[in-house]
Amino acid sequence: MSRSTQILGFLFAFGFLFSAYTKWIAPGYFEITVLEQDLVQTRTQAAHLTRFIIGLELGLGFCLLLPFYRKLLLVFAMLLITGLSLHLLYLWSTGYDANCGCFGEMIAMTPLESLFKICCCC
């Protein structure tokens, strides 16, 4: 495995673990953000989606720290980040200017600021 793959895996792992942690400490706030963005219709659906996203980020972050299937996991991580970027572009194009929820309420960012963060980190 190349050194660049290891470094990229570690950086993505840190990003996903930190993102999961910031949502995990106040999941109710992220549920409200999910509802405001019209991703779901009810608070129950928002609760389920929130826990799914936190679990996905946490699991992916831990798996990227392991030496198994790292290239496949990096492809999945890139697809996830691409999907998030498309969602953020949609929010920005509709004029949504509140906290996007990428890092829960710990680090509030607008969709445009979050896109800039993604572009700089990747």
N, C-alpha and C. Protein backbone atom coordinates (compact mmCIF):
# COMPACT_ATOMS: atom_id res chain seq x y z
N MET A 1 0.84 -1.17 0.00
CA MET A 1 0.00 0.00 0.00
C MET A 1 0.89 1.24 0.00
N SER A 2 0.54 2.20 -0.82
CA SER A 2 1.39 3.38 -0.95
C SER A 2 1.23 4.30 0.25
N ARG A 3 2.23 5.11 0.44
CA ARG A 3 2.26 6.05 1.56
C ARG A 3 1.14 7.09 1.42
N SER A 4 0.85 7.52 0.19
CA SER A 4 -0.19 8.53 -0.02
C SER A 4 -1.57 7.97 0.34
N THR A 5 -1.80 6.68 0.05
CA THR A 5 -3.07 6.05 0.42
C THR A 5 -3.22 5.99 1.93
N GLN A 6 -2.12 5.70 2.62
CA GLN A 6 -2.16 5.66 4.09
C GLN A 6 -2.46 7.04 4.66
N ILE A 7 -1.82 8.06 4.15
CA ILE A 7 -2.03 9.42 4.65
C ILE A 7 -3.46 9.87 4.35
N LEU A 8 -3.93 9.63 3.13
CA LEU A 8 -5.29 10.00 2.77
C LEU A 8 -6.30 9.27 3.64
N GLY A 9 -6.07 7.99 3.88
CA GLY A 9 -6.94 7.21 4.76
C GLY A 9 -6.98 7.77 6.17
N PHE A 10 -5.83 8.16 6.69
CA PHE A 10 -5.77 8.72 8.03
C PHE A 10 -6.50 10.07 8.10
N LEU A 11 -6.30 10.92 7.10
CA LEU A 11 -6.97 12.23 7.09
C LEU A 11 -8.48 12.08 6.99
N PHE A 12 -8.95 11.20 6.11
CA PHE A 12 -10.38 10.95 6.00
C PHE A 12 -10.93 10.36 7.30
N ALA A 13 -10.19 9.43 7.88
CA ALA A 13 -10.63 8.82 9.14
C ALA A 13 -10.81 9.89 10.21
N PHE A 14 -9.83 10.77 10.35
CA PHE A 14 -9.94 11.84 11.33
C PHE A 14 -11.14 12.73 11.04
N GLY A 15 -11.35 13.09 9.79
CA GLY A 15 -12.48 13.93 9.41
C GLY A 15 -13.82 13.29 9.73
N PHE A 16 -13.98 12.01 9.37
CA PHE A 16 -15.23 11.33 9.63
C PHE A 16 -15.46 11.11 11.13
N LEU A 17 -14.41 10.75 11.86
CA LEU A 17 -14.56 10.55 13.30
C LEU A 17 -14.89 11.86 14.01
N PHE A 18 -14.25 12.94 13.62
CA PHE A 18 -14.53 14.24 14.24
C PHE A 18 -15.96 14.69 13.90
N SER A 19 -16.38 14.49 12.68
CA SER A 19 -17.73 14.86 12.28
C SER A 19 -18.77 14.05 13.05
N ALA A 20 -18.54 12.75 13.19
CA ALA A 20 -19.47 11.91 13.95
C ALA A 20 -19.51 12.35 15.41
N TYR A 21 -18.37 12.66 15.99
CA TYR A 21 -18.32 13.09 17.39
C TYR A 21 -19.10 14.38 17.60
N THR A 22 -18.92 15.35 16.71
CA THR A 22 -19.60 16.64 16.90
C THR A 22 -21.12 16.52 16.74
N LYS A 23 -21.57 15.54 15.97
CA LYS A 23 -23.01 15.30 15.86
C LYS A 23 -23.52 14.47 17.04
N TRP A 24 -22.69 13.58 17.53
CA TRP A 24 -23.06 12.65 18.59
C TRP A 24 -23.31 13.36 19.92
N ILE A 25 -22.56 14.42 20.20
CA ILE A 25 -22.71 15.10 21.49
C ILE A 25 -24.02 15.88 21.58
N ALA A 26 -24.64 16.21 20.46
CA ALA A 26 -25.94 16.90 20.46
C ALA A 26 -26.76 16.46 19.25
N PRO A 27 -27.24 15.20 19.27
CA PRO A 27 -27.95 14.71 18.09
C PRO A 27 -29.27 15.44 17.81
N GLY A 28 -29.89 15.99 18.83
CA GLY A 28 -31.15 16.71 18.63
C GLY A 28 -30.98 17.92 17.72
N TYR A 29 -29.86 18.60 17.86
CA TYR A 29 -29.59 19.76 17.00
C TYR A 29 -29.46 19.31 15.54
N PHE A 30 -28.77 18.23 15.32
CA PHE A 30 -28.60 17.74 13.95
C PHE A 30 -29.94 17.26 13.38
N GLU A 31 -30.80 16.67 14.23
CA GLU A 31 -32.13 16.27 13.78
C GLU A 31 -32.90 17.48 13.25
N ILE A 32 -32.84 18.58 13.98
CA ILE A 32 -33.54 19.79 13.55
C ILE A 32 -32.96 20.31 12.24
N THR A 33 -31.65 20.24 12.10
CA THR A 33 -31.00 20.67 10.86
C THR A 33 -31.47 19.82 9.69
N VAL A 34 -31.57 18.51 9.90
CA VAL A 34 -32.05 17.59 8.86
C VAL A 34 -33.49 17.94 8.47
N LEU A 35 -34.32 18.26 9.46
CA LEU A 35 -35.70 18.66 9.17
C LEU A 35 -35.75 19.98 8.41
N GLU A 36 -34.94 20.96 8.81
CA GLU A 36 -34.92 22.26 8.14
C GLU A 36 -34.50 22.15 6.69
N GLN A 37 -33.63 21.19 6.39
CA GLN A 37 -33.15 21.01 5.02
C GLN A 37 -34.11 20.17 4.18
N ASP A 38 -35.24 19.79 4.75
CA ASP A 38 -36.27 18.99 4.07
C ASP A 38 -35.76 17.66 3.55
N LEU A 39 -34.86 17.04 4.29
CA LEU A 39 -34.38 15.71 3.91
C LEU A 39 -35.38 14.64 4.32
N VAL A 40 -36.17 14.90 5.37
CA VAL A 40 -37.20 13.99 5.85
C VAL A 40 -38.43 14.81 6.21
N GLN A 41 -39.53 14.10 6.49
CA GLN A 41 -40.79 14.78 6.77
C GLN A 41 -41.13 14.89 8.26
N THR A 42 -40.71 13.89 9.06
CA THR A 42 -41.09 13.88 10.48
C THR A 42 -39.86 13.85 11.38
N ARG A 43 -40.08 14.19 12.64
CA ARG A 43 -38.98 14.18 13.62
C ARG A 43 -38.47 12.75 13.85
N THR A 44 -39.37 11.76 13.78
CA THR A 44 -38.95 10.37 13.94
C THR A 44 -38.01 9.95 12.81
N GLN A 45 -38.36 10.32 11.59
CA GLN A 45 -37.48 10.01 10.46
C GLN A 45 -36.15 10.74 10.60
N ALA A 46 -36.19 11.97 11.10
CA ALA A 46 -34.96 12.72 11.31
C ALA A 46 -34.08 12.05 12.35
N ALA A 47 -34.69 11.52 13.41
CA ALA A 47 -33.93 10.82 14.45
C ALA A 47 -33.24 9.59 13.87
N HIS A 48 -33.97 8.83 13.05
CA HIS A 48 -33.38 7.63 12.44
C HIS A 48 -32.26 7.99 11.47
N LEU A 49 -32.49 9.00 10.62
CA LEU A 49 -31.47 9.41 9.66
C LEU A 49 -30.24 9.96 10.37
N THR A 50 -30.45 10.72 11.43
CA THR A 50 -29.34 11.27 12.20
C THR A 50 -28.47 10.17 12.76
N ARG A 51 -29.10 9.18 13.39
CA ARG A 51 -28.31 8.07 13.97
C ARG A 51 -27.62 7.25 12.89
N PHE A 52 -28.28 7.10 11.73
CA PHE A 52 -27.65 6.39 10.62
C PHE A 52 -26.41 7.13 10.13
N ILE A 53 -26.52 8.43 9.96
CA ILE A 53 -25.38 9.23 9.48
C ILE A 53 -24.23 9.20 10.48
N ILE A 54 -24.55 9.35 11.77
CA ILE A 54 -23.51 9.29 12.80
C ILE A 54 -22.83 7.93 12.78
N GLY A 55 -23.62 6.86 12.71
CA GLY A 55 -23.05 5.50 12.67
C GLY A 55 -22.21 5.26 11.43
N LEU A 56 -22.68 5.76 10.29
CA LEU A 56 -21.93 5.60 9.04
C LEU A 56 -20.58 6.31 9.13
N GLU A 57 -20.60 7.55 9.61
CA GLU A 57 -19.34 8.30 9.74
C GLU A 57 -18.40 7.64 10.74
N LEU A 58 -18.95 7.21 11.87
CA LEU A 58 -18.13 6.57 12.90
C LEU A 58 -17.53 5.27 12.38
N GLY A 59 -18.36 4.44 11.76
CA GLY A 59 -17.88 3.17 11.22
C GLY A 59 -16.85 3.36 10.12
N LEU A 60 -17.11 4.27 9.21
CA LEU A 60 -16.17 4.53 8.12
C LEU A 60 -14.85 5.08 8.66
N GLY A 61 -14.95 5.97 9.64
CA GLY A 61 -13.74 6.54 10.24
C GLY A 61 -12.87 5.47 10.89
N PHE A 62 -13.49 4.57 11.67
CA PHE A 62 -12.74 3.50 12.31
C PHE A 62 -12.17 2.52 11.29
N CYS A 63 -12.96 2.18 10.28
CA CYS A 63 -12.50 1.24 9.26
C CYS A 63 -11.32 1.80 8.46
N LEU A 64 -11.31 3.11 8.24
CA LEU A 64 -10.20 3.71 7.49
C LEU A 64 -8.89 3.69 8.28
N LEU A 65 -8.98 3.52 9.59
CA LEU A 65 -7.76 3.40 10.40
C LEU A 65 -7.14 2.01 10.30
N LEU A 66 -7.92 1.04 9.87
CA LEU A 66 -7.44 -0.32 9.73
C LEU A 66 -6.79 -0.52 8.35
N PRO A 67 -5.87 -1.47 8.23
CA PRO A 67 -5.18 -1.66 6.94
C PRO A 67 -5.97 -2.48 5.92
N PHE A 68 -7.18 -2.91 6.25
CA PHE A 68 -7.95 -3.78 5.37
C PHE A 68 -8.85 -2.98 4.43
N TYR A 69 -8.87 -3.33 3.17
CA TYR A 69 -9.76 -2.74 2.17
C TYR A 69 -9.69 -1.21 2.11
N ARG A 70 -8.54 -0.65 2.39
CA ARG A 70 -8.44 0.81 2.49
C ARG A 70 -8.77 1.49 1.16
N LYS A 71 -8.32 0.94 0.04
CA LYS A 71 -8.61 1.58 -1.25
C LYS A 71 -10.11 1.57 -1.54
N LEU A 72 -10.79 0.47 -1.25
CA LEU A 72 -12.23 0.40 -1.45
C LEU A 72 -12.95 1.38 -0.51
N LEU A 73 -12.50 1.46 0.71
CA LEU A 73 -13.10 2.39 1.66
C LEU A 73 -12.86 3.85 1.25
N LEU A 74 -11.69 4.13 0.68
CA LEU A 74 -11.42 5.48 0.20
C LEU A 74 -12.33 5.85 -0.96
N VAL A 75 -12.62 4.89 -1.82
CA VAL A 75 -13.56 5.14 -2.92
C VAL A 75 -14.94 5.44 -2.35
N PHE A 76 -15.38 4.66 -1.37
CA PHE A 76 -16.67 4.90 -0.73
C PHE A 76 -16.69 6.27 -0.05
N ALA A 77 -15.59 6.63 0.63
CA ALA A 77 -15.50 7.93 1.30
C ALA A 77 -15.58 9.06 0.28
N MET A 78 -14.91 8.91 -0.85
CA MET A 78 -14.96 9.93 -1.91
C MET A 78 -16.38 10.07 -2.47
N LEU A 79 -17.07 8.96 -2.65
CA LEU A 79 -18.45 9.01 -3.12
C LEU A 79 -19.35 9.72 -2.10
N LEU A 80 -19.13 9.43 -0.83
CA LEU A 80 -19.90 10.07 0.23
C LEU A 80 -19.64 11.57 0.27
N ILE A 81 -18.40 11.96 0.13
CA ILE A 81 -18.05 13.39 0.12
C ILE A 81 -18.61 14.07 -1.14
N THR A 82 -18.61 13.37 -2.26
CA THR A 82 -19.20 13.93 -3.49
C THR A 82 -20.69 14.15 -3.31
N GLY A 83 -21.37 13.18 -2.72
CA GLY A 83 -22.80 13.33 -2.45
C GLY A 83 -23.07 14.48 -1.50
N LEU A 84 -22.26 14.62 -0.47
CA LEU A 84 -22.40 15.73 0.47
C LEU A 84 -22.16 17.06 -0.24
N SER A 85 -21.18 17.10 -1.11
CA SER A 85 -20.88 18.33 -1.85
C SER A 85 -22.04 18.73 -2.75
N LEU A 86 -22.66 17.74 -3.41
CA LEU A 86 -23.82 18.03 -4.25
C LEU A 86 -24.98 18.55 -3.41
N HIS A 87 -25.18 17.97 -2.23
CA HIS A 87 -26.23 18.44 -1.33
C HIS A 87 -25.94 19.88 -0.88
N LEU A 88 -24.69 20.16 -0.55
CA LEU A 88 -24.33 21.52 -0.13
C LEU A 88 -24.50 22.52 -1.27
N LEU A 89 -24.16 22.12 -2.50
CA LEU A 89 -24.40 22.98 -3.66
C LEU A 89 -25.88 23.27 -3.85
N TYR A 90 -26.70 22.24 -3.64
CA TYR A 90 -28.15 22.43 -3.74
C TYR A 90 -28.63 23.42 -2.67
N LEU A 91 -28.17 23.24 -1.42
CA LEU A 91 -28.58 24.15 -0.34
C LEU A 91 -28.15 25.58 -0.66
N TRP A 92 -26.93 25.73 -1.14
CA TRP A 92 -26.42 27.06 -1.45
C TRP A 92 -27.22 27.69 -2.59
N SER A 93 -27.56 26.89 -3.61
CA SER A 93 -28.30 27.43 -4.76
C SER A 93 -29.73 27.83 -4.41
N THR A 94 -30.30 27.22 -3.35
CA THR A 94 -31.65 27.59 -2.93
C THR A 94 -31.66 28.73 -1.92
N GLY A 95 -30.47 29.22 -1.55
CA GLY A 95 -30.40 30.34 -0.63
C GLY A 95 -30.37 29.96 0.83
N TYR A 96 -30.21 28.69 1.14
CA TYR A 96 -30.13 28.24 2.53
C TYR A 96 -28.82 28.78 3.11
N ASP A 97 -28.93 29.58 4.15
CA ASP A 97 -27.73 30.24 4.68
C ASP A 97 -27.47 29.93 6.15
N ALA A 98 -28.20 28.96 6.72
CA ALA A 98 -28.01 28.59 8.12
C ALA A 98 -26.89 27.55 8.23
N ASN A 99 -26.62 27.10 9.44
CA ASN A 99 -25.61 26.08 9.68
C ASN A 99 -25.99 24.81 8.95
N CYS A 100 -25.07 24.28 8.15
CA CYS A 100 -25.36 23.07 7.37
C CYS A 100 -25.34 21.82 8.24
N GLY A 101 -24.74 21.88 9.41
CA GLY A 101 -24.72 20.75 10.32
C GLY A 101 -23.59 19.77 10.10
N CYS A 102 -22.65 20.08 9.24
CA CYS A 102 -21.55 19.15 8.95
C CYS A 102 -20.76 18.78 10.21
N PHE A 103 -20.61 19.74 11.11
CA PHE A 103 -19.93 19.49 12.38
C PHE A 103 -20.84 19.82 13.55
N GLY A 104 -22.11 19.45 13.40
CA GLY A 104 -23.08 19.67 14.46
C GLY A 104 -23.16 21.15 14.81
N GLU A 105 -23.32 21.43 16.09
CA GLU A 105 -23.35 22.82 16.51
C GLU A 105 -21.99 23.29 17.01
N MET A 106 -21.00 22.39 17.03
CA MET A 106 -19.68 22.75 17.52
C MET A 106 -18.99 23.75 16.60
N ILE A 107 -19.08 23.52 15.29
CA ILE A 107 -18.49 24.42 14.31
C ILE A 107 -19.58 24.75 13.30
N ALA A 108 -20.16 25.92 13.44
CA ALA A 108 -21.25 26.33 12.54
C ALA A 108 -20.67 26.86 11.23
N MET A 109 -21.16 26.31 10.13
CA MET A 109 -20.72 26.75 8.80
C MET A 109 -21.91 26.82 7.88
N THR A 110 -21.89 27.78 6.98
CA THR A 110 -22.91 27.83 5.94
C THR A 110 -22.55 26.78 4.89
N PRO A 111 -23.47 26.44 4.00
CA PRO A 111 -23.13 25.48 2.94
C PRO A 111 -21.92 25.91 2.11
N LEU A 112 -21.81 27.20 1.81
CA LEU A 112 -20.67 27.66 1.01
C LEU A 112 -19.35 27.51 1.77
N GLU A 113 -19.36 27.83 3.05
CA GLU A 113 -18.15 27.65 3.87
C GLU A 113 -17.77 26.18 3.95
N SER A 114 -18.76 25.32 4.08
CA SER A 114 -18.48 23.89 4.14
C SER A 114 -17.93 23.37 2.82
N LEU A 115 -18.45 23.84 1.71
CA LEU A 115 -17.90 23.47 0.40
C LEU A 115 -16.45 23.89 0.28
N PHE A 116 -16.15 25.08 0.75
CA PHE A 116 -14.77 25.58 0.71
C PHE A 116 -13.88 24.69 1.57
N LYS A 117 -14.37 24.26 2.74
CA LYS A 117 -13.61 23.36 3.62
C LYS A 117 -13.33 22.05 2.92
N ILE A 118 -14.33 21.52 2.24
CA ILE A 118 -14.16 20.25 1.53
C ILE A 118 -13.13 20.39 0.42
N CYS A 119 -13.22 21.47 -0.34
CA CYS A 119 -12.27 21.70 -1.45
C CYS A 119 -10.85 21.85 -0.95
N CYS A 120 -10.67 22.52 0.17
CA CYS A 120 -9.32 22.73 0.71
C CYS A 120 -8.74 21.46 1.31
N CYS A 121 -9.59 20.62 1.88
CA CYS A 121 -9.09 19.42 2.58
C CYS A 121 -8.88 18.24 1.63
N CYS A 122 -9.54 18.22 0.51
CA CYS A 122 -9.46 17.04 -0.37
C CYS A 122 -8.50 17.23 -1.50
